[in-house]
């Protein structure tokens, strides 16, 4: 059994940029958390196109570049049908429990470039399994009004066993997610983002896991983002960062 209560507010405050108002951010998270829908707004049996989004980073001195890729995957074709990307400067550092303040913009920009219309979006990050019930998957889903699922490689908040099973809020006893064994030796942490039930979220993620900790759409986005990272990193055009991106229909 493992338990994580997330970072202390003192630690979060120490990592946030100068002038950032943590209390305001928490107020926003609490407000948006109240808008999360934890039931199916789409029938999972009718879902065909699922998107997966991930972000990679390049650090050059004091500058940081984000490379976000969104992949559209068709369940009926069992293949990736399209992917899109966005590249730009990132000014907010990585701070646990505040990931959406860093990655929401690049994720949304890549997602909006997809020509396909995903019925569900998988986000590399947490949803309800978050100390303020609003991880980036929930933030994205509420703002974009699309069903989302949080899929993470590590536990941010909650209590879990050593195998598949519920992620329990250590304070309330509420089930806030589910640990799934997508890869033989590693657990994947699934939680509701928005507009879907936990049961349906787990069902979809399991369908998309093929001997990898991440489901296919996120894994494809991860691989494409890192390919772009290597290519862009060799010769960065600071004036035209986004020129490296184009939508690819497969």
C-alpha atoms as a PDB file:
ATOM      1  CA  UNK A   1       0.000   0.000   0.000  1.00  0.00           C
ATOM      2  CA  UNK A   2       1.288   3.456  -0.959  1.00  0.00           C
ATOM      3  CA  UNK A   3      -0.080   6.857  -0.022  1.00  0.00           C
ATOM      4  CA  UNK A   4       0.660  10.279  -1.485  1.00  0.00           C
ATOM      5  CA  UNK A   5      -0.860  13.474  -0.154  1.00  0.00           C
ATOM      6  CA  UNK A   6       0.794  15.637  -2.771  1.00  0.00           C
ATOM      7  CA  UNK A   7       3.246  18.457  -2.052  1.00  0.00           C
ATOM      8  CA  UNK A   8       2.778  20.895   0.807  1.00  0.00           C
ATOM      9  CA  UNK A   9       1.429  24.337  -0.005  1.00  0.00           C
ATOM     10  CA  UNK A  10       4.708  25.759   1.255  1.00  0.00           C
ATOM     11  CA  UNK A  11       6.622  23.736  -1.325  1.00  0.00           C
ATOM     12  CA  UNK A  12       4.208  24.727  -4.103  1.00  0.00           C
ATOM     13  CA  UNK A  13       4.527  28.381  -3.145  1.00  0.00           C
ATOM     14  CA  UNK A  14       8.329  28.130  -3.217  1.00  0.00           C
ATOM     15  CA  UNK A  15       8.249  26.715  -6.759  1.00  0.00           C
ATOM     16  CA  UNK A  16       5.714  29.136  -8.241  1.00  0.00           C
ATOM     17  CA  UNK A  17       6.966  32.201 -10.157  1.00  0.00           C
ATOM     18  CA  UNK A  18       7.429  35.488  -8.354  1.00  0.00           C
ATOM     19  CA  UNK A  19       4.159  37.409  -8.303  1.00  0.00           C
ATOM     20  CA  UNK A  20       2.020  34.293  -8.830  1.00  0.00           C
ATOM     21  CA  UNK A  21      -1.022  34.325  -6.539  1.00  0.00           C
ATOM     22  CA  UNK A  22      -1.453  30.755  -5.316  1.00  0.00           C
ATOM     23  CA  UNK A  23      -4.665  31.567  -3.454  1.00  0.00           C
ATOM     24  CA  UNK A  24      -6.253  32.802  -6.693  1.00  0.00           C
ATOM     25  CA  UNK A  25      -5.124  29.660  -8.521  1.00  0.00           C
ATOM     26  CA  UNK A  26      -6.651  27.473  -5.818  1.00  0.00           C
ATOM     27  CA  UNK A  27      -9.901  29.430  -6.011  1.00  0.00           C
ATOM     28  CA  UNK A  28     -10.019  28.833  -9.769  1.00  0.00           C
ATOM     29  CA  UNK A  29      -9.324  25.130  -9.264  1.00  0.00           C
ATOM     30  CA  UNK A  30     -12.069  24.784  -6.660  1.00  0.00           C
ATOM     31  CA  UNK A  31     -14.549  26.632  -8.868  1.00  0.00           C
ATOM     32  CA  UNK A  32     -13.794  24.551 -11.974  1.00  0.00           C
ATOM     33  CA  UNK A  33     -13.718  21.335  -9.936  1.00  0.00           C
ATOM     34  CA  UNK A  34     -17.349  22.017  -9.089  1.00  0.00           C
ATOM     35  CA  UNK A  35     -18.176  21.949 -12.808  1.00  0.00           C
ATOM     36  CA  UNK A  36     -16.673  18.538 -13.499  1.00  0.00           C
ATOM     37  CA  UNK A  37     -19.209  15.946 -14.648  1.00  0.00           C
ATOM     38  CA  UNK A  38     -18.430  12.379 -13.556  1.00  0.00           C
ATOM     39  CA  UNK A  39     -20.940  10.570 -15.730  1.00  0.00           C
ATOM     40  CA  UNK A  40     -20.860   9.520 -19.380  1.00  0.00           C
ATOM     41  CA  UNK A  41     -21.753  12.389 -21.707  1.00  0.00           C
ATOM     42  CA  UNK A  42     -20.997  10.040 -24.604  1.00  0.00           C
ATOM     43  CA  UNK A  43     -21.764   6.330 -24.903  1.00  0.00           C
ATOM     44  CA  UNK A  44     -18.432   4.525 -24.649  1.00  0.00           C
ATOM     45  CA  UNK A  45     -19.778   1.772 -26.900  1.00  0.00           C
ATOM     46  CA  UNK A  46     -20.195   4.382 -29.643  1.00  0.00           C
ATOM     47  CA  UNK A  47     -16.782   5.996 -29.202  1.00  0.00           C
ATOM     48  CA  UNK A  48     -14.480   5.621 -32.201  1.00  0.00           C
ATOM     49  CA  UNK A  49     -12.050   8.551 -32.341  1.00  0.00           C
ATOM     50  CA  UNK A  50      -9.971   9.171 -29.234  1.00  0.00           C
ATOM     51  CA  UNK A  51      -7.277  11.818 -28.911  1.00  0.00           C
ATOM     52  CA  UNK A  52      -4.150  11.668 -26.783  1.00  0.00           C
ATOM     53  CA  UNK A  53      -2.045  14.719 -25.895  1.00  0.00           C
ATOM     54  CA  UNK A  54       1.474  15.028 -24.500  1.00  0.00           C
ATOM     55  CA  UNK A  55       4.075  17.794 -24.192  1.00  0.00           C
ATOM     56  CA  UNK A  56       7.882  17.661 -24.467  1.00  0.00           C
ATOM     57  CA  UNK A  57      10.307  20.448 -23.551  1.00  0.00           C
ATOM     58  CA  UNK A  58      13.566  21.991 -24.722  1.00  0.00           C
ATOM     59  CA  UNK A  59      15.612  24.093 -22.301  1.00  0.00           C
ATOM     60  CA  UNK A  60      18.074  26.627 -23.696  1.00  0.00           C
ATOM     61  CA  UNK A  61      19.601  28.751 -20.965  1.00  0.00           C
ATOM     62  CA  UNK A  62      16.776  30.634 -19.290  1.00  0.00           C
ATOM     63  CA  UNK A  63      14.370  29.924 -22.165  1.00  0.00           C
ATOM     64  CA  UNK A  64      12.050  26.936 -22.373  1.00  0.00           C
ATOM     65  CA  UNK A  65      10.160  25.674 -25.410  1.00  0.00           C
ATOM     66  CA  UNK A  66       7.086  23.465 -25.248  1.00  0.00           C
ATOM     67  CA  UNK A  67       6.291  20.959 -27.999  1.00  0.00           C
ATOM     68  CA  UNK A  68       2.721  19.685 -27.746  1.00  0.00           C
ATOM     69  CA  UNK A  69       1.342  16.886 -29.916  1.00  0.00           C
ATOM     70  CA  UNK A  70      -2.275  15.731 -30.217  1.00  0.00           C
ATOM     71  CA  UNK A  71      -2.955  12.352 -31.822  1.00  0.00           C
ATOM     72  CA  UNK A  72      -6.316  11.126 -33.130  1.00  0.00           C
ATOM     73  CA  UNK A  73      -6.745   7.347 -32.981  1.00  0.00           C
ATOM     74  CA  UNK A  74      -9.616   5.336 -34.500  1.00  0.00           C
ATOM     75  CA  UNK A  75     -10.754   2.292 -32.552  1.00  0.00           C
ATOM     76  CA  UNK A  76     -12.622   0.875 -35.559  1.00  0.00           C
ATOM     77  CA  UNK A  77      -9.517   1.110 -37.751  1.00  0.00           C
ATOM     78  CA  UNK A  78      -7.141   0.258 -34.901  1.00  0.00           C
ATOM     79  CA  UNK A  79      -4.769   2.947 -36.133  1.00  0.00           C
ATOM     80  CA  UNK A  80      -3.638   6.551 -35.781  1.00  0.00           C
ATOM     81  CA  UNK A  81      -5.510   8.671 -38.326  1.00  0.00           C
ATOM     82  CA  UNK A  82      -4.017  12.118 -37.684  1.00  0.00           C
ATOM     83  CA  UNK A  83      -1.680  14.089 -35.470  1.00  0.00           C
ATOM     84  CA  UNK A  84      -1.038  17.786 -34.990  1.00  0.00           C
ATOM     85  CA  UNK A  85       1.387  19.884 -32.981  1.00  0.00           C
ATOM     86  CA  UNK A  86       2.164  23.281 -31.534  1.00  0.00           C
ATOM     87  CA  UNK A  87       5.531  24.766 -30.544  1.00  0.00           C
ATOM     88  CA  UNK A  88       6.044  27.878 -28.438  1.00  0.00           C
ATOM     89  CA  UNK A  89       7.718  29.497 -25.459  1.00  0.00           C
ATOM     90  CA  UNK A  90       6.759  28.286 -21.984  1.00  0.00           C
ATOM     91  CA  UNK A  91       7.003  30.764 -19.120  1.00  0.00           C
ATOM     92  CA  UNK A  92       5.436  28.834 -16.214  1.00  0.00           C
ATOM     93  CA  UNK A  93       7.703  26.294 -14.483  1.00  0.00           C
ATOM     94  CA  UNK A  94       6.759  22.763 -13.514  1.00  0.00           C
ATOM     95  CA  UNK A  95       4.968  22.948 -10.170  1.00  0.00           C
ATOM     96  CA  UNK A  96       3.139  19.870  -8.809  1.00  0.00           C
ATOM     97  CA  UNK A  97      -0.661  20.420  -8.582  1.00  0.00           C
ATOM     98  CA  UNK A  98      -0.389  23.397 -10.989  1.00  0.00           C
ATOM     99  CA  UNK A  99       0.426  21.520 -14.202  1.00  0.00           C
ATOM    100  CA  UNK A 100      -2.462  23.058 -16.134  1.00  0.00           C
ATOM    101  CA  UNK A 101      -0.971  26.546 -15.652  1.00  0.00           C
ATOM    102  CA  UNK A 102       2.049  25.249 -17.572  1.00  0.00           C
ATOM    103  CA  UNK A 103       0.610  22.819 -20.124  1.00  0.00           C
ATOM    104  CA  UNK A 104      -3.010  23.795 -20.779  1.00  0.00           C
ATOM    105  CA  UNK A 105      -2.151  26.357 -23.470  1.00  0.00           C
ATOM    106  CA  UNK A 106       0.140  24.084 -25.528  1.00  0.00           C
ATOM    107  CA  UNK A 107      -2.266  21.155 -25.184  1.00  0.00           C
ATOM    108  CA  UNK A 108      -5.282  23.197 -26.280  1.00  0.00           C
ATOM    109  CA  UNK A 109      -3.391  24.686 -29.234  1.00  0.00           C
ATOM    110  CA  UNK A 110      -2.323  21.266 -30.528  1.00  0.00           C
ATOM    111  CA  UNK A 111      -5.818  19.842 -29.973  1.00  0.00           C
ATOM    112  CA  UNK A 112      -7.519  22.651 -31.899  1.00  0.00           C
ATOM    113  CA  UNK A 113      -5.389  21.858 -34.956  1.00  0.00           C
ATOM    114  CA  UNK A 114      -6.834  18.369 -35.306  1.00  0.00           C
ATOM    115  CA  UNK A 115      -9.260  18.090 -38.194  1.00  0.00           C
ATOM    116  CA  UNK A 116     -10.775  14.968 -36.703  1.00  0.00           C
ATOM    117  CA  UNK A 117     -13.332  15.466 -33.933  1.00  0.00           C
ATOM    118  CA  UNK A 118     -12.372  13.207 -31.026  1.00  0.00           C
ATOM    119  CA  UNK A 119     -15.202  11.981 -28.836  1.00  0.00           C
ATOM    120  CA  UNK A 120     -12.882  11.511 -25.855  1.00  0.00           C
ATOM    121  CA  UNK A 121      -9.483  13.060 -25.086  1.00  0.00           C
ATOM    122  CA  UNK A 122      -6.764  11.324 -23.067  1.00  0.00           C
ATOM    123  CA  UNK A 123      -4.457  13.720 -21.230  1.00  0.00           C
ATOM    124  CA  UNK A 124      -0.981  12.846 -19.966  1.00  0.00           C
ATOM    125  CA  UNK A 125      -1.682  13.927 -16.401  1.00  0.00           C
ATOM    126  CA  UNK A 126      -4.242  13.559 -13.635  1.00  0.00           C
ATOM    127  CA  UNK A 127      -7.917  14.421 -13.508  1.00  0.00           C
ATOM    128  CA  UNK A 128      -9.867  14.003 -10.271  1.00  0.00           C
ATOM    129  CA  UNK A 129      -6.953  12.164  -8.599  1.00  0.00           C
ATOM    130  CA  UNK A 130      -5.627  15.539  -7.492  1.00  0.00           C
ATOM    131  CA  UNK A 131      -5.649  17.224  -4.060  1.00  0.00           C
ATOM    132  CA  UNK A 132      -7.958  19.947  -5.393  1.00  0.00           C
ATOM    133  CA  UNK A 133      -9.906  17.566  -7.688  1.00  0.00           C
ATOM    134  CA  UNK A 134      -8.787  19.505 -10.755  1.00  0.00           C
ATOM    135  CA  UNK A 135      -5.783  18.037 -12.466  1.00  0.00           C
ATOM    136  CA  UNK A 136      -4.989  19.103 -16.010  1.00  0.00           C
ATOM    137  CA  UNK A 137      -7.342  16.512 -17.535  1.00  0.00           C
ATOM    138  CA  UNK A 138     -10.274  18.001 -15.626  1.00  0.00           C
ATOM    139  CA  UNK A 139      -9.180  21.583 -16.336  1.00  0.00           C
ATOM    140  CA  UNK A 140      -8.926  20.801 -20.064  1.00  0.00           C
ATOM    141  CA  UNK A 141     -12.263  18.971 -20.181  1.00  0.00           C
ATOM    142  CA  UNK A 142     -14.261  21.653 -18.388  1.00  0.00           C
ATOM    143  CA  UNK A 143     -12.749  24.500 -20.426  1.00  0.00           C
ATOM    144  CA  UNK A 144     -13.033  22.722 -23.796  1.00  0.00           C
ATOM    145  CA  UNK A 145     -16.361  21.041 -23.000  1.00  0.00           C
ATOM    146  CA  UNK A 146     -15.144  17.632 -24.113  1.00  0.00           C
ATOM    147  CA  UNK A 147     -14.990  14.284 -22.272  1.00  0.00           C
ATOM    148  CA  UNK A 148     -11.482  13.738 -20.918  1.00  0.00           C
ATOM    149  CA  UNK A 149      -9.546  11.080 -19.028  1.00  0.00           C
ATOM    150  CA  UNK A 150      -6.455  11.655 -16.914  1.00  0.00           C
ATOM    151  CA  UNK A 151      -3.736   9.068 -17.539  1.00  0.00           C
ATOM    152  CA  UNK A 152      -0.572   9.396 -15.452  1.00  0.00           C
ATOM    153  CA  UNK A 153       2.630   7.439 -14.935  1.00  0.00           C
ATOM    154  CA  UNK A 154       3.032   8.353 -11.259  1.00  0.00           C
ATOM    155  CA  UNK A 155       0.749   8.861  -8.285  1.00  0.00           C
ATOM    156  CA  UNK A 156       0.157  12.476  -7.270  1.00  0.00           C
ATOM    157  CA  UNK A 157      -2.510  12.086  -4.613  1.00  0.00           C
ATOM    158  CA  UNK A 158      -4.251   9.113  -3.066  1.00  0.00           C
ATOM    159  CA  UNK A 159      -3.754   5.664  -1.585  1.00  0.00           C
ATOM    160  CA  UNK A 160      -3.241   2.596  -3.780  1.00  0.00           C
ATOM    161  CA  UNK A 161      -2.254  -1.036  -3.395  1.00  0.00           C
ATOM    162  CA  UNK A 162       0.523  -2.828  -5.240  1.00  0.00           C
ATOM    163  CA  UNK A 163      -1.666  -3.983  -8.117  1.00  0.00           C
ATOM    164  CA  UNK A 164      -4.752  -2.932 -10.032  1.00  0.00           C
ATOM    165  CA  UNK A 165      -7.406  -1.322  -7.909  1.00  0.00           C
ATOM    166  CA  UNK A 166      -8.925   1.902  -6.626  1.00  0.00           C
ATOM    167  CA  UNK A 167      -7.104   5.118  -5.844  1.00  0.00           C
ATOM    168  CA  UNK A 168      -8.567   6.243  -2.527  1.00  0.00           C
ATOM    169  CA  UNK A 169      -8.602   9.756  -1.115  1.00  0.00           C
ATOM    170  CA  UNK A 170      -6.613   9.326   2.128  1.00  0.00           C
ATOM    171  CA  UNK A 171      -8.776  11.886   3.940  1.00  0.00           C
ATOM    172  CA  UNK A 172     -12.320  11.118   2.758  1.00  0.00           C
ATOM    173  CA  UNK A 173     -12.112   7.481   1.645  1.00  0.00           C
ATOM    174  CA  UNK A 174     -13.625   8.442  -1.724  1.00  0.00           C
ATOM    175  CA  UNK A 175     -12.566   6.541  -4.848  1.00  0.00           C
ATOM    176  CA  UNK A 176     -10.874   9.164  -7.046  1.00  0.00           C
ATOM    177  CA  UNK A 177      -9.240   6.976  -9.677  1.00  0.00           C
ATOM    178  CA  UNK A 178      -8.042   3.516 -10.603  1.00  0.00           C
ATOM    179  CA  UNK A 179      -4.628   1.916 -10.957  1.00  0.00           C
ATOM    180  CA  UNK A 180      -4.376  -0.155 -14.151  1.00  0.00           C
ATOM    181  CA  UNK A 181      -1.575  -2.513 -15.152  1.00  0.00           C
ATOM    182  CA  UNK A 182      -1.000  -1.457 -18.754  1.00  0.00           C
ATOM    183  CA  UNK A 183       2.655  -2.516 -18.723  1.00  0.00           C
ATOM    184  CA  UNK A 184       3.877  -5.744 -17.090  1.00  0.00           C
ATOM    185  CA  UNK A 185       5.931  -4.035 -14.393  1.00  0.00           C
ATOM    186  CA  UNK A 186       4.343  -0.588 -14.022  1.00  0.00           C
ATOM    187  CA  UNK A 187       0.978   0.784 -12.995  1.00  0.00           C
ATOM    188  CA  UNK A 188      -0.903   3.482 -14.888  1.00  0.00           C
ATOM    189  CA  UNK A 189      -3.061   5.877 -12.870  1.00  0.00           C
ATOM    190  CA  UNK A 190      -6.432   6.612 -14.467  1.00  0.00           C
ATOM    191  CA  UNK A 191      -8.938   9.184 -13.265  1.00  0.00           C
ATOM    192  CA  UNK A 192     -11.984  10.997 -14.543  1.00  0.00           C
ATOM    193  CA  UNK A 193     -11.174  14.222 -16.312  1.00  0.00           C
ATOM    194  CA  UNK A 194     -14.629  15.423 -17.267  1.00  0.00           C
ATOM    195  CA  UNK A 195     -17.761  14.076 -18.927  1.00  0.00           C
ATOM    196  CA  UNK A 196     -17.106  10.385 -18.338  1.00  0.00           C
ATOM    197  CA  UNK A 197     -17.527   7.870 -15.520  1.00  0.00           C
ATOM    198  CA  UNK A 198     -14.544   6.207 -13.885  1.00  0.00           C
ATOM    199  CA  UNK A 199     -15.778   2.797 -15.038  1.00  0.00           C
ATOM    200  CA  UNK A 200     -15.890   3.959 -18.666  1.00  0.00           C
ATOM    201  CA  UNK A 201     -12.537   5.736 -18.370  1.00  0.00           C
ATOM    202  CA  UNK A 202     -10.840   2.547 -17.170  1.00  0.00           C
ATOM    203  CA  UNK A 203     -12.566   0.501 -19.876  1.00  0.00           C
ATOM    204  CA  UNK A 204     -11.317   2.791 -22.659  1.00  0.00           C
ATOM    205  CA  UNK A 205      -7.772   3.034 -21.329  1.00  0.00           C
ATOM    206  CA  UNK A 206      -7.521  -0.753 -21.055  1.00  0.00           C
ATOM    207  CA  UNK A 207      -8.611  -1.098 -24.685  1.00  0.00           C
ATOM    208  CA  UNK A 208      -5.792   1.210 -25.727  1.00  0.00           C
ATOM    209  CA  UNK A 209      -2.946  -0.245 -23.670  1.00  0.00           C
ATOM    210  CA  UNK A 210      -0.534  -2.500 -25.565  1.00  0.00           C
ATOM    211  CA  UNK A 211       2.391  -3.489 -23.325  1.00  0.00           C
ATOM    212  CA  UNK A 212       3.128   0.155 -22.554  1.00  0.00           C
ATOM    213  CA  UNK A 213       2.470   2.289 -19.504  1.00  0.00           C
ATOM    214  CA  UNK A 214       0.680   4.815 -21.718  1.00  0.00           C
ATOM    215  CA  UNK A 215      -2.290   4.101 -24.038  1.00  0.00           C
ATOM    216  CA  UNK A 216      -1.644   4.260 -27.789  1.00  0.00           C
ATOM    217  CA  UNK A 217      -2.829   7.855 -28.503  1.00  0.00           C
ATOM    218  CA  UNK A 218      -0.682   9.354 -25.723  1.00  0.00           C
ATOM    219  CA  UNK A 219       2.261   7.101 -26.579  1.00  0.00           C
ATOM    220  CA  UNK A 220       2.126   8.241 -30.218  1.00  0.00           C
ATOM    221  CA  UNK A 221       2.008  11.890 -29.122  1.00  0.00           C
ATOM    222  CA  UNK A 222       4.920  11.299 -26.743  1.00  0.00           C
ATOM    223  CA  UNK A 223       7.037   9.764 -29.500  1.00  0.00           C
ATOM    224  CA  UNK A 224       6.220  12.468 -32.080  1.00  0.00           C
ATOM    225  CA  UNK A 225       6.872  15.249 -29.546  1.00  0.00           C
ATOM    226  CA  UNK A 226      10.299  13.830 -28.746  1.00  0.00           C
ATOM    227  CA  UNK A 227      11.130  13.409 -32.437  1.00  0.00           C
ATOM    228  CA  UNK A 228      10.271  17.083 -32.949  1.00  0.00           C
ATOM    229  CA  UNK A 229      12.293  17.979 -29.867  1.00  0.00           C
ATOM    230  CA  UNK A 230      15.400  16.374 -31.356  1.00  0.00           C
ATOM    231  CA  UNK A 231      14.860  18.033 -34.740  1.00  0.00           C
ATOM    232  CA  UNK A 232      14.044  21.496 -33.412  1.00  0.00           C
ATOM    233  CA  UNK A 233      16.791  21.361 -30.801  1.00  0.00           C
ATOM    234  CA  UNK A 234      19.491  21.064 -33.451  1.00  0.00           C
ATOM    235  CA  UNK A 235      18.649  24.452 -34.952  1.00  0.00           C
ATOM    236  CA  UNK A 236      16.136  26.569 -33.051  1.00  0.00           C
ATOM    237  CA  UNK A 237      14.478  29.357 -35.030  1.00  0.00           C
ATOM    238  CA  UNK A 238      13.364  31.587 -32.176  1.00  0.00           C
ATOM    239  CA  UNK A 239      11.348  33.850 -34.461  1.00  0.00           C
ATOM    240  CA  UNK A 240       9.369  31.016 -36.051  1.00  0.00           C
ATOM    241  CA  UNK A 241       9.132  28.290 -33.436  1.00  0.00           C
ATOM    242  CA  UNK A 242       5.763  27.023 -34.610  1.00  0.00           C
ATOM    243  CA  UNK A 243       6.921  26.654 -38.224  1.00  0.00           C
ATOM    244  CA  UNK A 244       8.153  23.148 -37.371  1.00  0.00           C
ATOM    245  CA  UNK A 245       4.547  22.017 -36.934  1.00  0.00           C
ATOM    246  CA  UNK A 246       2.054  20.821 -39.475  1.00  0.00           C
ATOM    247  CA  UNK A 247      -1.024  18.627 -39.298  1.00  0.00           C
ATOM    248  CA  UNK A 248      -0.368  15.102 -40.521  1.00  0.00           C
ATOM    249  CA  UNK A 249      -3.250  12.999 -41.811  1.00  0.00           C
ATOM    250  CA  UNK A 250      -2.249   9.361 -42.056  1.00  0.00           C
END
